[in-house]
Amino acid sequence: MSIFRRRKAEDATDTTEDLSTDVESAEGDATEGDAAIEAEDDDGLDAPADRSNGPYDASEVADDDGRLDLGAIRITGVEGMELRLEIDQEQQHVVAATAVIGESALQLQAFAAPRSGGLWRDIRTEIAEAIEAQGGTADHERGVLGAELRTRMPSAGPDGRTVFAPARFLGVDGPRWFLRGVISGRGAIDDEAAAPLLDVFRETVVVRGSDPMAPRELLQLRLPQEEAAPMPAATDAGDEQATEGTPRSTDDLNPFERGPEITEVR
């Protein structure tokens, strides 16, 4: 039986990155010629991801498939995995699910996307520009799940010096949805440590639903049915607060802060 405990995470670094950064050309508005050059420079990075082995759309799998139902996503647990559900205290919404295996973590979020797809390309560019603007680094690479972003994110260390935390951003465009994963910890630099988290990402099922939604709107997560109890209230004056609106989008998520969490130990 799964064990849940409610707690506030204070020492972990959230790798969620602001998706709302404006993309500006160094010389003004991009032209069609600029776009063609950019596409050539991508060297095939944006070839459509092969989803034959996941992540899956809800229409591609059975409803009762043994995965943990979190609303917009369904997750397959693996041995030794901890599942942390990150909560917006003000709006009382689950905004992200994080799978932790050993010294590595994978944060999962799903978003509405246009029928034409291609959201990951834009988001990847925006994340890279935001991190580089803060003094970090971002490298576009082709991984086992398609295009991904390997980054080093700057933050203040305990002695006041700037330290760089590695993070690996994954993204897959599905039918009217986009699934993003962020690997942190050892898995961000060690492919062997990342392997079980990549399996979790690949086995994830996205439940988009039929309601009309704006592109990039966060798909609603929730506690598993057996844990549908009131979410924890704020305990500190300094607890993270969300901006108004429901549900919260990633525009409101600070990359260096986390809110209270529900943790499942499998």
Protein backbone atom coordinates (compact mmCIF):
# COMPACT_ATOMS: atom_id res chain seq x y z
CA MET A 1 0.00 0.00 0.00
CA SER A 2 1.24 3.44 -0.83
CA ILE A 3 2.15 5.71 2.07
CA PHE A 4 1.46 9.43 1.83
CA ARG A 5 2.90 12.05 4.13
CA ARG A 6 2.28 15.77 3.95
CA ARG A 7 5.32 17.97 4.19
CA LYS A 8 6.89 21.22 3.08
CA ALA A 9 10.05 20.95 1.00
CA GLU A 10 12.55 23.67 1.94
CA ASP A 11 15.89 22.45 0.68
CA ALA A 12 15.14 21.16 -2.82
CA THR A 13 15.63 23.27 -5.92
CA ASP A 14 12.65 23.37 -8.28
CA THR A 15 13.74 23.16 -11.88
CA THR A 16 10.55 24.66 -13.28
CA GLU A 17 11.46 27.45 -15.66
CA ASP A 18 9.35 30.44 -16.71
CA LEU A 19 7.74 29.75 -20.09
CA SER A 20 6.55 33.29 -20.68
CA THR A 21 9.89 34.90 -21.62
CA ASP A 22 9.48 37.05 -24.70
CA VAL A 23 11.44 35.77 -27.68
CA GLU A 24 13.06 38.67 -29.51
CA SER A 25 15.35 38.65 -32.50
CA ALA A 26 18.68 40.38 -32.03
CA GLU A 27 17.86 42.48 -35.07
CA GLY A 28 14.13 42.91 -34.56
CA ASP A 29 11.26 40.82 -35.85
CA ALA A 30 12.32 37.51 -37.38
CA THR A 31 11.82 37.15 -41.10
CA GLU A 32 11.00 34.02 -43.06
CA GLY A 33 14.64 33.86 -44.13
CA ASP A 34 15.78 33.97 -40.52
CA ALA A 35 13.42 31.10 -39.70
CA ALA A 36 14.83 29.02 -42.54
CA ILE A 37 18.39 29.55 -41.32
CA GLU A 38 17.37 28.69 -37.77
CA ALA A 39 15.75 25.47 -38.96
CA GLU A 40 18.96 24.45 -40.73
CA ASP A 41 21.00 25.20 -37.60
CA ASP A 42 18.77 22.89 -35.56
CA ASP A 43 20.35 19.94 -37.41
CA GLY A 44 17.23 17.80 -37.20
CA LEU A 45 16.52 18.48 -33.52
CA ASP A 46 12.87 19.20 -34.19
CA ALA A 47 12.02 16.07 -36.10
CA PRO A 48 8.78 14.71 -34.58
CA ALA A 49 9.38 12.51 -31.55
CA ASP A 50 8.56 8.83 -31.98
CA ARG A 51 5.76 8.17 -29.45
CA SER A 52 5.31 4.50 -30.34
CA ASN A 53 6.92 3.69 -26.98
CA GLY A 54 5.44 6.66 -25.11
CA PRO A 55 4.57 9.07 -23.70
CA TYR A 56 1.01 8.09 -24.54
CA ASP A 57 -2.27 9.84 -25.13
CA ALA A 58 -5.18 8.54 -23.04
CA SER A 59 -6.83 7.27 -26.24
CA GLU A 60 -3.86 4.95 -26.85
CA VAL A 61 -4.06 2.91 -23.63
CA ALA A 62 -6.71 1.23 -21.51
CA ASP A 63 -8.38 3.33 -18.82
CA ASP A 64 -7.61 0.82 -16.06
CA ASP A 65 -3.96 0.16 -16.84
CA GLY A 66 -2.51 0.09 -13.32
CA ARG A 67 -0.94 3.53 -13.53
CA LEU A 68 -1.40 6.02 -10.70
CA ASP A 69 -4.18 8.42 -11.74
CA LEU A 70 -3.26 12.07 -11.08
CA GLY A 71 -5.89 13.62 -13.33
CA ALA A 72 -4.13 15.08 -16.37
CA ILE A 73 -1.36 12.49 -16.18
CA ARG A 74 -1.14 8.84 -15.18
CA ILE A 75 2.22 7.58 -13.94
CA THR A 76 3.80 4.15 -13.68
CA GLY A 77 5.78 3.71 -10.48
CA VAL A 78 9.07 1.83 -10.28
CA GLU A 79 10.75 0.16 -7.34
CA GLY A 80 12.26 2.62 -4.88
CA MET A 81 10.50 5.63 -6.41
CA GLU A 82 9.10 8.47 -4.30
CA LEU A 83 6.32 10.59 -5.80
CA ARG A 84 5.98 14.21 -4.67
CA LEU A 85 2.96 16.29 -5.61
CA GLU A 86 3.69 20.01 -5.60
CA ILE A 87 0.79 22.18 -4.46
CA ASP A 88 -0.29 25.76 -5.04
CA GLN A 89 -1.48 26.63 -1.54
CA GLU A 90 -3.59 29.64 -2.48
CA GLN A 91 -5.52 28.00 -5.30
CA GLN A 92 -5.40 24.51 -3.73
CA HIS A 93 -4.24 22.87 -6.95
CA VAL A 94 -1.62 20.24 -7.62
CA VAL A 95 0.71 21.91 -10.14
CA ALA A 96 3.41 19.29 -10.72
CA ALA A 97 4.36 15.70 -9.96
CA THR A 98 7.97 14.82 -9.19
CA ALA A 99 9.35 11.28 -9.26
CA VAL A 100 12.46 10.80 -7.11
CA ILE A 101 14.77 7.81 -7.52
CA GLY A 102 17.97 7.85 -5.49
CA GLU A 103 19.78 11.14 -6.02
CA SER A 104 17.79 12.08 -9.14
CA ALA A 105 14.37 13.62 -9.69
CA LEU A 106 11.99 14.07 -12.63
CA GLN A 107 9.35 16.80 -12.50
CA LEU A 108 6.35 16.25 -14.78
CA GLN A 109 3.84 18.80 -16.07
CA ALA A 110 1.38 18.62 -18.97
CA PHE A 111 0.01 21.57 -20.94
CA ALA A 112 -2.63 22.25 -23.56
CA ALA A 113 -1.16 22.68 -27.04
CA PRO A 114 -2.37 23.71 -30.51
CA ARG A 115 -3.48 21.00 -32.91
CA SER A 116 -0.54 21.88 -35.14
CA GLY A 117 1.93 20.91 -32.38
CA GLY A 118 5.45 22.29 -32.31
CA LEU A 119 5.14 23.84 -28.85
CA TRP A 120 8.33 22.23 -27.53
CA ARG A 121 10.51 24.08 -30.04
CA ASP A 122 9.25 27.47 -28.87
CA ILE A 123 9.38 26.59 -25.17
CA ARG A 124 12.87 25.14 -25.46
CA THR A 125 14.13 28.35 -27.04
CA GLU A 126 12.51 30.48 -24.34
CA ILE A 127 13.90 28.37 -21.49
CA ALA A 128 17.40 28.56 -22.98
CA GLU A 129 17.23 32.33 -23.40
CA ALA A 130 15.94 32.83 -19.85
CA ILE A 131 18.70 30.68 -18.32
CA GLU A 132 21.44 32.31 -20.41
CA ALA A 133 20.14 35.76 -19.43
CA GLN A 134 20.71 34.78 -15.79
CA GLY A 135 24.30 33.73 -16.51
CA GLY A 136 23.68 30.02 -16.99
CA THR A 137 24.29 27.75 -19.97
CA ALA A 138 21.88 25.84 -22.21
CA ASP A 139 22.76 23.28 -24.89
CA HIS A 140 20.25 21.86 -27.38
CA GLU A 141 20.79 18.15 -27.99
CA ARG A 142 19.06 15.18 -29.58
CA GLY A 143 18.28 12.56 -26.92
CA VAL A 144 16.42 9.27 -26.78
CA LEU A 145 13.10 11.14 -26.58
CA GLY A 146 13.93 13.70 -29.25
CA ALA A 147 15.13 17.26 -28.74
CA GLU A 148 16.13 18.16 -25.19
CA LEU A 149 17.93 20.93 -23.35
CA ARG A 150 20.94 20.39 -21.06
CA THR A 151 21.40 23.35 -18.75
CA ARG A 152 23.40 24.69 -15.84
CA MET A 153 21.20 26.97 -13.77
CA PRO A 154 22.84 29.64 -11.57
CA SER A 155 21.87 30.20 -7.94
CA ALA A 156 23.45 31.63 -4.79
CA GLY A 157 25.48 29.17 -2.74
CA PRO A 158 25.65 29.16 1.08
CA ASP A 159 28.81 31.29 1.00
CA GLY A 160 27.23 33.84 -1.34
CA ARG A 161 29.06 32.63 -4.42
CA THR A 162 27.21 31.64 -7.57
CA VAL A 163 26.83 27.90 -8.06
CA PHE A 164 25.44 26.10 -11.08
CA ALA A 165 22.89 23.31 -10.76
CA PRO A 166 22.55 21.01 -13.78
CA ALA A 167 19.08 20.34 -15.19
CA ARG A 168 17.90 18.35 -18.19
CA PHE A 169 14.68 19.49 -19.89
CA LEU A 170 12.63 16.95 -21.85
CA GLY A 171 9.61 17.70 -24.02
CA VAL A 172 7.22 15.78 -26.23
CA ASP A 173 4.38 17.17 -28.34
CA GLY A 174 1.24 15.00 -28.34
CA PRO A 175 -2.27 15.41 -29.78
CA ARG A 176 -3.35 18.79 -28.37
CA TRP A 177 -1.01 18.42 -25.39
CA PHE A 178 2.63 18.93 -24.50
CA LEU A 179 4.42 16.95 -21.77
CA ARG A 180 7.47 18.46 -20.14
CA GLY A 181 9.94 16.74 -17.85
CA VAL A 182 12.83 18.25 -15.90
CA ILE A 183 15.53 15.95 -14.57
CA SER A 184 17.62 17.31 -11.70
CA GLY A 185 20.24 15.88 -9.39
CA ARG A 186 22.66 13.20 -10.55
CA GLY A 187 20.41 12.20 -13.44
CA ALA A 188 20.99 15.60 -15.07
CA ILE A 189 24.63 14.68 -15.78
CA ASP A 190 24.69 10.87 -15.48
CA ASP A 191 22.82 8.94 -18.20
CA GLU A 192 22.79 5.75 -16.13
CA ALA A 193 21.13 7.52 -13.19
CA ALA A 194 18.66 9.18 -15.58
CA ALA A 195 17.61 5.91 -17.27
CA PRO A 196 14.83 4.88 -14.82
CA LEU A 197 13.43 8.42 -14.86
CA LEU A 198 13.37 8.41 -18.66
CA ASP A 199 11.35 5.19 -18.40
CA VAL A 200 8.88 6.95 -16.07
CA PHE A 201 8.58 9.83 -18.55
CA ARG A 202 8.11 7.47 -21.48
CA GLU A 203 5.43 5.43 -19.66
CA THR A 204 3.42 8.53 -18.67
CA VAL A 205 -0.11 8.86 -20.08
CA VAL A 206 -1.52 12.34 -20.72
CA VAL A 207 -5.27 12.88 -20.30
CA ARG A 208 -5.98 16.05 -22.29
CA GLY A 209 -9.78 16.04 -22.05
CA SER A 210 -12.13 17.67 -24.55
CA ASP A 211 -12.52 21.12 -22.95
CA PRO A 212 -11.23 24.07 -24.98
CA MET A 213 -8.02 25.45 -23.46
CA ALA A 214 -5.47 28.06 -24.45
CA PRO A 215 -2.08 26.76 -25.61
CA ARG A 216 0.37 26.48 -22.67
CA GLU A 217 -2.40 26.31 -20.10
CA LEU A 218 -1.44 23.85 -17.38
CA LEU A 219 -3.55 20.70 -17.45
CA GLN A 220 -5.19 20.08 -14.08
CA LEU A 221 -3.53 17.57 -11.78
CA ARG A 222 -5.12 16.19 -8.62
CA LEU A 223 -4.43 13.89 -5.72
CA PRO A 224 -5.10 10.20 -6.27
CA GLN A 225 -8.71 9.30 -5.48
CA GLU A 226 -7.86 7.65 -2.18
CA GLU A 227 -6.07 10.81 -1.05
CA ALA A 228 -8.68 13.39 -2.10
CA ALA A 229 -8.47 15.22 1.24
CA PRO A 230 -8.04 18.98 1.91
CA MET A 231 -4.59 20.15 0.96
CA PRO A 232 -2.21 21.56 3.61
CA ALA A 233 -2.53 25.22 4.56
CA ALA A 234 0.39 27.64 4.73
CA THR A 235 2.44 27.45 7.92
CA ASP A 236 4.99 30.19 7.31
CA ALA A 237 4.61 33.82 6.31
CA GLY A 238 7.28 33.12 3.75
CA ASP A 239 5.49 30.24 2.05
CA GLU A 240 5.24 30.46 -1.72
CA GLN A 241 2.07 32.16 -2.91
CA ALA A 242 0.58 31.88 -6.38
CA THR A 243 -0.91 34.66 -8.42
CA GLU A 244 -4.65 34.81 -8.97
CA GLY A 245 -6.35 32.64 -11.57
CA THR A 246 -7.16 28.99 -11.95
CA PRO A 247 -5.41 26.84 -12.73
CA ARG A 248 -1.92 28.29 -12.30
CA SER A 249 0.25 28.25 -15.40
CA THR A 250 4.02 27.89 -15.43
CA ASP A 251 4.27 31.65 -15.79
CA ASP A 252 3.84 31.78 -12.00
CA LEU A 253 6.41 29.15 -11.06
CA ASN A 254 9.75 30.32 -9.66
CA PRO A 255 12.65 28.06 -10.74
CA PHE A 256 14.29 28.26 -7.32
CA GLU A 257 11.32 27.75 -4.98
CA ARG A 258 8.93 24.93 -4.15
CA GLY A 259 5.69 24.74 -2.24
CA PRO A 260 4.29 22.09 0.09
CA GLU A 261 4.22 18.56 -1.22
CA ILE A 262 2.42 15.28 -0.79
CA THR A 263 4.90 12.42 -0.93
CA GLU A 264 4.13 8.85 -1.90
CA VAL A 265 6.68 6.19 -1.04
CA ARG A 266 6.34 3.20 -3.31
